[in-house]
PDB file of N, CA and C in Angstrom:
ATOM      1  N   UNK A   1      88.902  -0.593-123.851  1.00  0.00           N
ATOM      2  CA  UNK A   1      89.858   0.360-124.372  1.00  0.00           C
ATOM      3  C   UNK A   1      89.325   1.791-124.351  1.00  0.00           C
ATOM      4  N   UNK A   2      88.016   1.938-124.402  1.00  0.00           N
ATOM      5  CA  UNK A   2      87.423   3.263-124.391  1.00  0.00           C
ATOM      6  C   UNK A   2      87.740   3.988-123.078  1.00  0.00           C
ATOM      7  N   UNK A   3      87.831   3.219-121.981  1.00  0.00           N
ATOM      8  CA  UNK A   3      88.135   3.792-120.680  1.00  0.00           C
ATOM      9  C   UNK A   3      89.513   4.432-120.648  1.00  0.00           C
ATOM     10  N   UNK A   4      90.495   3.838-121.310  1.00  0.00           N
ATOM     11  CA  UNK A   4      91.839   4.398-121.339  1.00  0.00           C
ATOM     12  C   UNK A   4      91.865   5.739-122.068  1.00  0.00           C
ATOM     13  N   UNK A   5      90.995   5.886-123.034  1.00  0.00           N
ATOM     14  CA  UNK A   5      90.943   7.128-123.804  1.00  0.00           C
ATOM     15  C   UNK A   5      90.433   8.287-122.938  1.00  0.00           C
ATOM     16  N   UNK A   6      89.471   8.006-122.073  1.00  0.00           N
ATOM     17  CA  UNK A   6      88.856   9.061-121.272  1.00  0.00           C
ATOM     18  C   UNK A   6      89.476   9.214-119.886  1.00  0.00           C
ATOM     19  N   UNK A   7      90.314   8.292-119.468  1.00  0.00           N
ATOM     20  CA  UNK A   7      90.906   8.335-118.135  1.00  0.00           C
ATOM     21  C   UNK A   7      91.695   9.635-117.886  1.00  0.00           C
ATOM     22  N   UNK A   8      92.569  10.067-118.800  1.00  0.00           N
ATOM     23  CA  UNK A   8      93.280  11.325-118.537  1.00  0.00           C
ATOM     24  C   UNK A   8      92.336  12.526-118.377  1.00  0.00           C
ATOM     25  N   UNK A   9      91.265  12.551-119.134  1.00  0.00           N
ATOM     26  CA  UNK A   9      90.309  13.648-119.026  1.00  0.00           C
ATOM     27  C   UNK A   9      89.584  13.618-117.683  1.00  0.00           C
ATOM     28  N   UNK A  10      89.239  12.430-117.234  1.00  0.00           N
ATOM     29  CA  UNK A  10      88.578  12.299-115.936  1.00  0.00           C
ATOM     30  C   UNK A  10      89.511  12.702-114.799  1.00  0.00           C
ATOM     31  N   UNK A  11      90.771  12.293-114.893  1.00  0.00           N
ATOM     32  CA  UNK A  11      91.744  12.658-113.863  1.00  0.00           C
ATOM     33  C   UNK A  11      91.954  14.172-113.829  1.00  0.00           C
ATOM     34  N   UNK A  12      92.055  14.780-114.999  1.00  0.00           N
ATOM     35  CA  UNK A  12      92.219  16.230-115.072  1.00  0.00           C
ATOM     36  C   UNK A  12      91.029  16.943-114.430  1.00  0.00           C
ATOM     37  N   UNK A  13      89.843  16.494-114.728  1.00  0.00           N
ATOM     38  CA  UNK A  13      88.631  17.082-114.165  1.00  0.00           C
ATOM     39  C   UNK A  13      88.615  16.935-112.647  1.00  0.00           C
ATOM     40  N   UNK A  14      89.013  15.773-112.158  1.00  0.00           N
ATOM     41  CA  UNK A  14      89.034  15.533-110.712  1.00  0.00           C
ATOM     42  C   UNK A  14      90.040  16.448-110.025  1.00  0.00           C
ATOM     43  N   UNK A  15      91.218  16.615-110.606  1.00  0.00           N
ATOM     44  CA  UNK A  15      92.241  17.485-110.017  1.00  0.00           C
ATOM     45  C   UNK A  15      91.752  18.926-109.989  1.00  0.00           C
ATOM     46  N   UNK A  16      91.136  19.380-111.062  1.00  0.00           N
ATOM     47  CA  UNK A  16      90.607  20.752-111.099  1.00  0.00           C
ATOM     48  C   UNK A  16      89.538  20.964-110.037  1.00  0.00           C
ATOM     49  N   UNK A  17      88.675  19.995-109.868  1.00  0.00           N
ATOM     50  CA  UNK A  17      87.599  20.110-108.876  1.00  0.00           C
ATOM     51  C   UNK A  17      88.171  20.184-107.470  1.00  0.00           C
ATOM     52  N   UNK A  18      89.130  19.336-107.156  1.00  0.00           N
ATOM     53  CA  UNK A  18      89.733  19.322-105.819  1.00  0.00           C
ATOM     54  C   UNK A  18      90.480  20.619-105.563  1.00  0.00           C
ATOM     55  N   UNK A  19      91.218  21.130-106.552  1.00  0.00           N
ATOM     56  CA  UNK A  19      91.966  22.364-106.334  1.00  0.00           C
ATOM     57  C   UNK A  19      91.026  23.554-106.141  1.00  0.00           C
ATOM     58  N   UNK A  20      89.899  23.574-106.822  1.00  0.00           N
ATOM     59  CA  UNK A  20      88.963  24.680-106.632  1.00  0.00           C
ATOM     60  C   UNK A  20      88.334  24.629-105.249  1.00  0.00           C
ATOM     61  N   UNK A  21      88.067  23.443-104.732  1.00  0.00           N
ATOM     62  CA  UNK A  21      87.531  23.334-103.370  1.00  0.00           C
ATOM     63  C   UNK A  21      88.561  23.793-102.351  1.00  0.00           C
ATOM     64  N   UNK A  22      89.823  23.437-102.541  1.00  0.00           N
ATOM     65  CA  UNK A  22      90.845  23.836-101.580  1.00  0.00           C
ATOM     66  C   UNK A  22      91.055  25.342-101.620  1.00  0.00           C
ATOM     67  N   UNK A  23      90.948  25.964-102.804  1.00  0.00           N
ATOM     68  CA  UNK A  23      91.067  27.418-102.888  1.00  0.00           C
ATOM     69  C   UNK A  23      89.923  28.082-102.135  1.00  0.00           C
ATOM     70  N   UNK A  24      88.726  27.588-102.311  1.00  0.00           N
ATOM     71  CA  UNK A  24      87.568  28.161-101.626  1.00  0.00           C
ATOM     72  C   UNK A  24      87.711  28.027-100.113  1.00  0.00           C
ATOM     73  N   UNK A  25      88.305  26.932 -99.652  1.00  0.00           N
ATOM     74  CA  UNK A  25      88.470  26.733 -98.216  1.00  0.00           C
ATOM     75  C   UNK A  25      89.496  27.702 -97.641  1.00  0.00           C
ATOM     76  N   UNK A  26      90.483  28.145 -98.442  1.00  0.00           N
ATOM     77  CA  UNK A  26      91.517  29.041 -97.965  1.00  0.00           C
ATOM     78  C   UNK A  26      91.067  30.494 -97.958  1.00  0.00           C
ATOM     79  N   UNK A  27      90.047  30.828 -98.719  1.00  0.00           N
ATOM     80  CA  UNK A  27      89.612  32.206 -98.832  1.00  0.00           C
ATOM     81  C   UNK A  27      88.948  32.648 -97.534  1.00  0.00           C
ATOM     82  N   UNK A  28      89.445  33.748 -96.920  1.00  0.00           N
ATOM     83  CA  UNK A  28      88.851  34.200 -95.665  1.00  0.00           C
ATOM     84  C   UNK A  28      87.402  34.647 -95.861  1.00  0.00           C
ATOM     85  N   UNK A  29      86.587  34.345 -94.878  1.00  0.00           N
ATOM     86  CA  UNK A  29      85.192  34.750 -94.943  1.00  0.00           C
ATOM     87  C   UNK A  29      84.638  34.922 -93.538  1.00  0.00           C
ATOM     88  N   UNK A  30      83.487  35.547 -93.477  1.00  0.00           N
ATOM     89  CA  UNK A  30      82.780  35.788 -92.221  1.00  0.00           C
ATOM     90  C   UNK A  30      81.330  35.411 -92.443  1.00  0.00           C
ATOM     91  N   UNK A  31      80.732  34.736 -91.483  1.00  0.00           N
ATOM     92  CA  UNK A  31      79.307  34.428 -91.558  1.00  0.00           C
ATOM     93  C   UNK A  31      78.573  35.419 -90.669  1.00  0.00           C
ATOM     94  N   UNK A  32      77.640  36.148 -91.272  1.00  0.00           N
ATOM     95  CA  UNK A  32      76.906  37.178 -90.538  1.00  0.00           C
ATOM     96  C   UNK A  32      75.418  36.896 -90.595  1.00  0.00           C
ATOM     97  N   UNK A  33      74.755  37.143 -89.479  1.00  0.00           N
ATOM     98  CA  UNK A  33      73.301  37.030 -89.407  1.00  0.00           C
ATOM     99  C   UNK A  33      72.748  38.448 -89.438  1.00  0.00           C
ATOM    100  N   UNK A  34      72.197  38.825 -90.572  1.00  0.00           N
ATOM    101  CA  UNK A  34      71.712  40.190 -90.764  1.00  0.00           C
ATOM    102  C   UNK A  34      70.200  40.220 -90.704  1.00  0.00           C
ATOM    103  N   UNK A  35      69.637  41.103 -89.860  1.00  0.00           N
ATOM    104  CA  UNK A  35      68.183  41.203 -89.754  1.00  0.00           C
ATOM    105  C   UNK A  35      67.552  41.497 -91.122  1.00  0.00           C
ATOM    106  N   UNK A  36      66.586  40.711 -91.478  1.00  0.00           N
ATOM    107  CA  UNK A  36      65.898  40.890 -92.744  1.00  0.00           C
ATOM    108  C   UNK A  36      66.578  40.214 -93.917  1.00  0.00           C
ATOM    109  N   UNK A  37      67.867  39.893 -93.779  1.00  0.00           N
ATOM    110  CA  UNK A  37      68.605  39.267 -94.879  1.00  0.00           C
ATOM    111  C   UNK A  37      68.992  37.831 -94.553  1.00  0.00           C
ATOM    112  N   UNK A  38      68.952  37.477 -93.279  1.00  0.00           N
ATOM    113  CA  UNK A  38      69.303  36.121 -92.877  1.00  0.00           C
ATOM    114  C   UNK A  38      70.804  35.923 -92.744  1.00  0.00           C
ATOM    115  N   UNK A  39      71.199  34.670 -92.657  1.00  0.00           N
ATOM    116  CA  UNK A  39      72.598  34.317 -92.481  1.00  0.00           C
ATOM    117  C   UNK A  39      73.267  34.286 -93.851  1.00  0.00           C
ATOM    118  N   UNK A  40      74.406  34.979 -93.945  1.00  0.00           N
ATOM    119  CA  UNK A  40      75.116  35.043 -95.215  1.00  0.00           C
ATOM    120  C   UNK A  40      76.614  34.996 -94.965  1.00  0.00           C
ATOM    121  N   UNK A  41      77.316  34.241 -95.786  1.00  0.00           N
ATOM    122  CA  UNK A  41      78.777  34.213 -95.727  1.00  0.00           C
ATOM    123  C   UNK A  41      79.305  35.343 -96.605  1.00  0.00           C
ATOM    124  N   UNK A  42      80.188  36.156 -96.030  1.00  0.00           N
ATOM    125  CA  UNK A  42      80.763  37.284 -96.749  1.00  0.00           C
ATOM    126  C   UNK A  42      82.256  37.034 -96.902  1.00  0.00           C
ATOM    127  N   UNK A  43      82.763  37.228 -98.129  1.00  0.00           N
ATOM    128  CA  UNK A  43      84.183  36.984 -98.398  1.00  0.00           C
ATOM    129  C   UNK A  43      84.738  38.107 -99.259  1.00  0.00           C
ATOM    130  N   UNK A  44      86.055  38.058 -99.510  1.00  0.00           N
ATOM    131  CA  UNK A  44      86.692  39.058-100.356  1.00  0.00           C
ATOM    132  C   UNK A  44      85.992  39.117-101.709  1.00  0.00           C
ATOM    133  N   UNK A  45      85.793  40.322-102.205  1.00  0.00           N
ATOM    134  CA  UNK A  45      85.111  40.514-103.474  1.00  0.00           C
ATOM    135  C   UNK A  45      83.621  40.768-103.318  1.00  0.00           C
ATOM    136  N   UNK A  46      83.061  40.373-102.172  1.00  0.00           N
ATOM    137  CA  UNK A  46      81.641  40.630-101.906  1.00  0.00           C
ATOM    138  C   UNK A  46      81.463  42.070-101.433  1.00  0.00           C
ATOM    139  N   UNK A  47      80.230  42.518-101.421  1.00  0.00           N
ATOM    140  CA  UNK A  47      79.921  43.823-100.852  1.00  0.00           C
ATOM    141  C   UNK A  47      79.652  43.655 -99.369  1.00  0.00           C
ATOM    142  N   UNK A  48      80.255  44.537 -98.589  1.00  0.00           N
ATOM    143  CA  UNK A  48      80.031  44.539 -97.144  1.00  0.00           C
ATOM    144  C   UNK A  48      78.670  45.174 -96.865  1.00  0.00           C
ATOM    145  N   UNK A  49      78.048  44.829 -95.742  1.00  0.00           N
ATOM    146  CA  UNK A  49      76.806  45.507 -95.362  1.00  0.00           C
ATOM    147  C   UNK A  49      77.028  47.028 -95.319  1.00  0.00           C
ATOM    148  N   UNK A  50      76.007  47.782 -95.666  1.00  0.00           N
ATOM    149  CA  UNK A  50      76.109  49.240 -95.812  1.00  0.00           C
ATOM    150  C   UNK A  50      76.745  49.942 -94.614  1.00  0.00           C
ATOM    151  N   UNK A  51      76.413  49.515 -93.411  1.00  0.00           N
ATOM    152  CA  UNK A  51      76.910  50.236 -92.236  1.00  0.00           C
ATOM    153  C   UNK A  51      78.434  50.231 -92.144  1.00  0.00           C
ATOM    154  N   UNK A  52      79.097  49.272 -92.781  1.00  0.00           N
ATOM    155  CA  UNK A  52      80.557  49.199 -92.717  1.00  0.00           C
ATOM    156  C   UNK A  52      81.235  50.176 -93.672  1.00  0.00           C
ATOM    157  N   UNK A  53      80.452  50.909 -94.447  1.00  0.00           N
ATOM    158  CA  UNK A  53      81.002  51.959 -95.305  1.00  0.00           C
ATOM    159  C   UNK A  53      81.013  53.308 -94.582  1.00  0.00           C
ATOM    160  N   UNK A  54      80.435  53.355 -93.397  1.00  0.00           N
ATOM    161  CA  UNK A  54      80.347  54.597 -92.628  1.00  0.00           C
ATOM    162  C   UNK A  54      81.690  54.883 -91.940  1.00  0.00           C
ATOM    163  N   UNK A  55      82.108  56.127 -91.948  1.00  0.00           N
ATOM    164  CA  UNK A  55      83.369  56.496 -91.293  1.00  0.00           C
ATOM    165  C   UNK A  55      83.386  56.183 -89.795  1.00  0.00           C
ATOM    166  N   UNK A  56      82.229  56.153 -89.158  1.00  0.00           N
ATOM    167  CA  UNK A  56      82.179  55.897 -87.712  1.00  0.00           C
ATOM    168  C   UNK A  56      82.663  54.490 -87.353  1.00  0.00           C
ATOM    169  N   UNK A  57      82.625  53.553 -88.288  1.00  0.00           N
ATOM    170  CA  UNK A  57      83.090  52.187 -88.007  1.00  0.00           C
ATOM    171  C   UNK A  57      84.521  51.926 -88.477  1.00  0.00           C
ATOM    172  N   UNK A  58      85.149  52.937 -89.070  1.00  0.00           N
ATOM    173  CA  UNK A  58      86.525  52.777 -89.551  1.00  0.00           C
ATOM    174  C   UNK A  58      87.478  52.574 -88.373  1.00  0.00           C
ATOM    175  N   UNK A  59      88.425  51.666 -88.537  1.00  0.00           N
ATOM    176  CA  UNK A  59      89.464  51.453 -87.526  1.00  0.00           C
ATOM    177  C   UNK A  59      90.524  52.530 -87.723  1.00  0.00           C
ATOM    178  N   UNK A  60      90.566  53.475 -86.819  1.00  0.00           N
ATOM    179  CA  UNK A  60      91.537  54.570 -86.913  1.00  0.00           C
ATOM    180  C   UNK A  60      92.941  54.107 -86.535  1.00  0.00           C
ATOM    181  N   UNK A  61      93.025  53.039 -85.750  1.00  0.00           N
ATOM    182  CA  UNK A  61      94.325  52.532 -85.280  1.00  0.00           C
ATOM    183  C   UNK A  61      94.813  51.344 -86.109  1.00  0.00           C
ATOM    184  N   UNK A  62      94.597  51.396 -87.424  1.00  0.00           N
ATOM    185  CA  UNK A  62      94.984  50.286 -88.305  1.00  0.00           C
ATOM    186  C   UNK A  62      96.465  49.983 -88.223  1.00  0.00           C
ATOM    187  N   UNK A  63      97.282  51.005 -87.994  1.00  0.00           N
ATOM    188  CA  UNK A  63      98.734  50.793 -87.919  1.00  0.00           C
ATOM    189  C   UNK A  63      99.087  49.969 -86.673  1.00  0.00           C
ATOM    190  N   UNK A  64      98.438  50.263 -85.544  1.00  0.00           N
ATOM    191  CA  UNK A  64      98.677  49.525 -84.304  1.00  0.00           C
ATOM    192  C   UNK A  64      98.224  48.074 -84.418  1.00  0.00           C
ATOM    193  N   UNK A  65      97.310  47.813 -85.328  1.00  0.00           N
ATOM    194  CA  UNK A  65      96.808  46.453 -85.551  1.00  0.00           C
ATOM    195  C   UNK A  65      97.588  45.731 -86.642  1.00  0.00           C
ATOM    196  N   UNK A  66      98.678  46.362 -87.093  1.00  0.00           N
ATOM    197  CA  UNK A  66      99.576  45.784 -88.103  1.00  0.00           C
ATOM    198  C   UNK A  66      98.865  45.548 -89.440  1.00  0.00           C
ATOM    199  N   UNK A  67      98.002  46.485 -89.807  1.00  0.00           N
ATOM    200  CA  UNK A  67      97.298  46.418 -91.081  1.00  0.00           C
ATOM    201  C   UNK A  67      97.941  47.401 -92.056  1.00  0.00           C
ATOM    202  N   UNK A  68      97.835  47.123 -93.336  1.00  0.00           N
ATOM    203  CA  UNK A  68      98.399  48.017 -94.340  1.00  0.00           C
ATOM    204  C   UNK A  68      97.598  49.314 -94.397  1.00  0.00           C
ATOM    205  N   UNK A  69      98.243  50.357 -94.882  1.00  0.00           N
ATOM    206  CA  UNK A  69      97.577  51.655 -94.983  1.00  0.00           C
ATOM    207  C   UNK A  69      96.456  51.587 -96.023  1.00  0.00           C
ATOM    208  N   UNK A  70      95.256  52.015 -95.650  1.00  0.00           N
ATOM    209  CA  UNK A  70      94.170  52.022 -96.639  1.00  0.00           C
ATOM    210  C   UNK A  70      94.390  53.151 -97.645  1.00  0.00           C
ATOM    211  N   UNK A  71      93.944  52.946 -98.881  1.00  0.00           N
ATOM    212  CA  UNK A  71      93.987  54.000 -99.887  1.00  0.00           C
ATOM    213  C   UNK A  71      93.000  55.104 -99.507  1.00  0.00           C
ATOM    214  N   UNK A  72      92.985  56.152-100.286  1.00  0.00           N
ATOM    215  CA  UNK A  72      92.149  57.320 -99.990  1.00  0.00           C
ATOM    216  C   UNK A  72      90.673  56.969 -99.808  1.00  0.00           C
ATOM    217  N   UNK A  73      90.128  56.125-100.644  1.00  0.00           N
ATOM    218  CA  UNK A  73      88.704  55.777-100.578  1.00  0.00           C
ATOM    219  C   UNK A  73      88.459  54.407 -99.968  1.00  0.00           C
ATOM    220  N   UNK A  74      89.320  54.008 -99.035  1.00  0.00           N
ATOM    221  CA  UNK A  74      89.178  52.715 -98.370  1.00  0.00           C
ATOM    222  C   UNK A  74      89.263  52.914 -96.860  1.00  0.00           C
ATOM    223  N   UNK A  75      88.758  51.932 -96.133  1.00  0.00           N
ATOM    224  CA  UNK A  75      88.892  51.936 -94.675  1.00  0.00           C
ATOM    225  C   UNK A  75      88.888  50.511 -94.162  1.00  0.00           C
ATOM    226  N   UNK A  76      89.585  50.305 -93.055  1.00  0.00           N
ATOM    227  CA  UNK A  76      89.563  49.020 -92.363  1.00  0.00           C
ATOM    228  C   UNK A  76      88.414  49.019 -91.372  1.00  0.00           C
ATOM    229  N   UNK A  77      87.674  47.921 -91.312  1.00  0.00           N
ATOM    230  CA  UNK A  77      86.604  47.728 -90.338  1.00  0.00           C
ATOM    231  C   UNK A  77      86.746  46.324 -89.757  1.00  0.00           C
ATOM    232  N   UNK A  78      86.093  46.082 -88.641  1.00  0.00           N
ATOM    233  CA  UNK A  78      86.093  44.734 -88.076  1.00  0.00           C
ATOM    234  C   UNK A  78      84.748  44.078 -88.351  1.00  0.00           C
ATOM    235  N   UNK A  79      84.806  42.941 -89.037  1.00  0.00           N
ATOM    236  CA  UNK A  79      83.625  42.119 -89.311  1.00  0.00           C
ATOM    237  C   UNK A  79      83.791  40.840 -88.504  1.00  0.00           C
ATOM    238  N   UNK A  80      83.064  40.727 -87.429  1.00  0.00           N
ATOM    239  CA  UNK A  80      83.162  39.551 -86.558  1.00  0.00           C
ATOM    240  C   UNK A  80      84.627  39.354 -86.146  1.00  0.00           C
ATOM    241  N   UNK A  81      85.229  38.221 -86.526  1.00  0.00           N
ATOM    242  CA  UNK A  81      86.606  37.914 -86.123  1.00  0.00           C
ATOM    243  C   UNK A  81      87.634  38.212 -87.216  1.00  0.00           C
ATOM    244  N   UNK A  82      87.274  39.095 -88.152  1.00  0.00           N
ATOM    245  CA  UNK A  82      88.171  39.460 -89.250  1.00  0.00           C
ATOM    246  C   UNK A  82      88.239  40.978 -89.396  1.00  0.00           C
ATOM    247  N   UNK A  83      89.380  41.446 -89.890  1.00  0.00           N
ATOM    248  CA  UNK A  83      89.487  42.828 -90.331  1.00  0.00           C
ATOM    249  C   UNK A  83      89.251  42.816 -91.827  1.00  0.00           C
ATOM    250  N   UNK A  84      88.480  43.769 -92.310  1.00  0.00           N
ATOM    251  CA  UNK A  84      88.166  43.838 -93.730  1.00  0.00           C
ATOM    252  C   UNK A  84      88.509  45.224 -94.259  1.00  0.00           C
ATOM    253  N   UNK A  85      89.203  45.239 -95.386  1.00  0.00           N
ATOM    254  CA  UNK A  85      89.499  46.489 -96.068  1.00  0.00           C
ATOM    255  C   UNK A  85      88.368  46.742 -97.057  1.00  0.00           C
ATOM    256  N   UNK A  86      87.630  47.817 -96.820  1.00  0.00           N
ATOM    257  CA  UNK A  86      86.425  48.124 -97.591  1.00  0.00           C
ATOM    258  C   UNK A  86      86.691  49.291 -98.546  1.00  0.00           C
ATOM    259  N   UNK A  87      86.280  49.144 -99.782  1.00  0.00           N
ATOM    260  CA  UNK A  87      86.276  50.248-100.734  1.00  0.00           C
ATOM    261  C   UNK A  87      85.007  51.049-100.438  1.00  0.00           C
ATOM    262  N   UNK A  88      85.160  52.267 -99.949  1.00  0.00           N
ATOM    263  CA  UNK A  88      84.016  53.035 -99.455  1.00  0.00           C
ATOM    264  C   UNK A  88      82.962  53.322-100.539  1.00  0.00           C
ATOM    265  N   UNK A  89      83.334  53.792-101.730  1.00  0.00           N
ATOM    266  CA  UNK A  89      82.291  54.103-102.719  1.00  0.00           C
ATOM    267  C   UNK A  89      81.460  52.893-103.163  1.00  0.00           C
ATOM    268  N   UNK A  90      82.096  51.730-103.278  1.00  0.00           N
ATOM    269  CA  UNK A  90      81.372  50.558-103.797  1.00  0.00           C
ATOM    270  C   UNK A  90      80.957  49.573-102.711  1.00  0.00           C
ATOM    271  N   UNK A  91      81.628  49.612-101.554  1.00  0.00           N
ATOM    272  CA  UNK A  91      81.353  48.648-100.490  1.00  0.00           C
ATOM    273  C   UNK A  91      82.036  47.307-100.693  1.00  0.00           C
ATOM    274  N   UNK A  92      82.869  47.185-101.713  1.00  0.00           N
ATOM    275  CA  UNK A  92      83.549  45.924-102.007  1.00  0.00           C
ATOM    276  C   UNK A  92      84.624  45.636-100.973  1.00  0.00           C
ATOM    277  N   UNK A  93      84.661  44.392-100.520  1.00  0.00           N
ATOM    278  CA  UNK A  93      85.702  43.960 -99.592  1.00  0.00           C
ATOM    279  C   UNK A  93      86.938  43.618-100.417  1.00  0.00           C
ATOM    280  N   UNK A  94      88.003  44.388-100.215  1.00  0.00           N
ATOM    281  CA  UNK A  94      89.234  44.201-100.974  1.00  0.00           C
ATOM    282  C   UNK A  94      90.152  43.167-100.342  1.00  0.00           C
ATOM    283  N   UNK A  95      90.129  43.082 -99.023  1.00  0.00           N
ATOM    284  CA  UNK A  95      91.018  42.162 -98.311  1.00  0.00           C
ATOM    285  C   UNK A  95      90.401  41.820 -96.965  1.00  0.00           C
ATOM    286  N   UNK A  96      90.635  40.584 -96.521  1.00  0.00           N
ATOM    287  CA  UNK A  96      90.203  40.158 -95.181  1.00  0.00           C
ATOM    288  C   UNK A  96      91.373  39.446 -94.516  1.00  0.00           C
ATOM    289  N   UNK A  97      91.588  39.760 -93.244  1.00  0.00           N
ATOM    290  CA  UNK A  97      92.626  39.087 -92.462  1.00  0.00           C
ATOM    291  C   UNK A  97      92.049  38.756 -91.089  1.00  0.00           C
ATOM    292  N   UNK A  98      92.534  37.680 -90.476  1.00  0.00           N
ATOM    293  CA  UNK A  98      92.035  37.342 -89.134  1.00  0.00           C
ATOM    294  C   UNK A  98      92.363  38.448 -88.145  1.00  0.00           C
ATOM    295  N   UNK A  99      91.419  38.787 -87.290  1.00  0.00           N
ATOM    296  CA  UNK A  99      91.645  39.802 -86.268  1.00  0.00           C
ATOM    297  C   UNK A  99      92.532  39.269 -85.160  1.00  0.00           C
ATOM    298  N   UNK A 100      92.442  37.991 -84.883  1.00  0.00           N
ATOM    299  CA  UNK A 100      93.247  37.378 -83.830  1.00  0.00           C
ATOM    300  C   UNK A 100      94.710  37.421 -84.228  1.00  0.00           C
ATOM    301  N   UNK A 101      95.542  37.920 -83.344  1.00  0.00           N
ATOM    302  CA  UNK A 101      96.974  37.972 -83.615  1.00  0.00           C
ATOM    303  C   UNK A 101      97.410  39.215 -84.364  1.00  0.00           C
ATOM    304  N   UNK A 102      96.478  40.065 -84.755  1.00  0.00           N
ATOM    305  CA  UNK A 102      96.840  41.286 -85.457  1.00  0.00           C
ATOM    306  C   UNK A 102      96.887  42.486 -84.536  1.00  0.00           C
ATOM    307  N   UNK A 103      96.441  42.319 -83.310  1.00  0.00           N
ATOM    308  CA  UNK A 103      96.434  43.476 -82.416  1.00  0.00           C
ATOM    309  C   UNK A 103      97.528  43.378 -81.412  1.00  0.00           C
TER     310      UNK A 103
END
């Protein structure tokens, strides 16, 4: 009888665990091999490598690539096979979208 008491709690825990894994799988990310830092997966909310905060890497043709207009302190850059919207002062990745099919 003790098992019946804990069964709903176990089922709830299992559902929460599965849903969190599926959310993580849906979140766009890029795997980068950075000299001195090794291989790292970068996703929304993470800080982009410093060089992607430089204006020289900003995508000036974001409109032609069907990307939303960046705010004043943001820029679109290409990270591997994704476009990333970077907050320039902090380096935080605000949004990532697949580059394929956006151009």
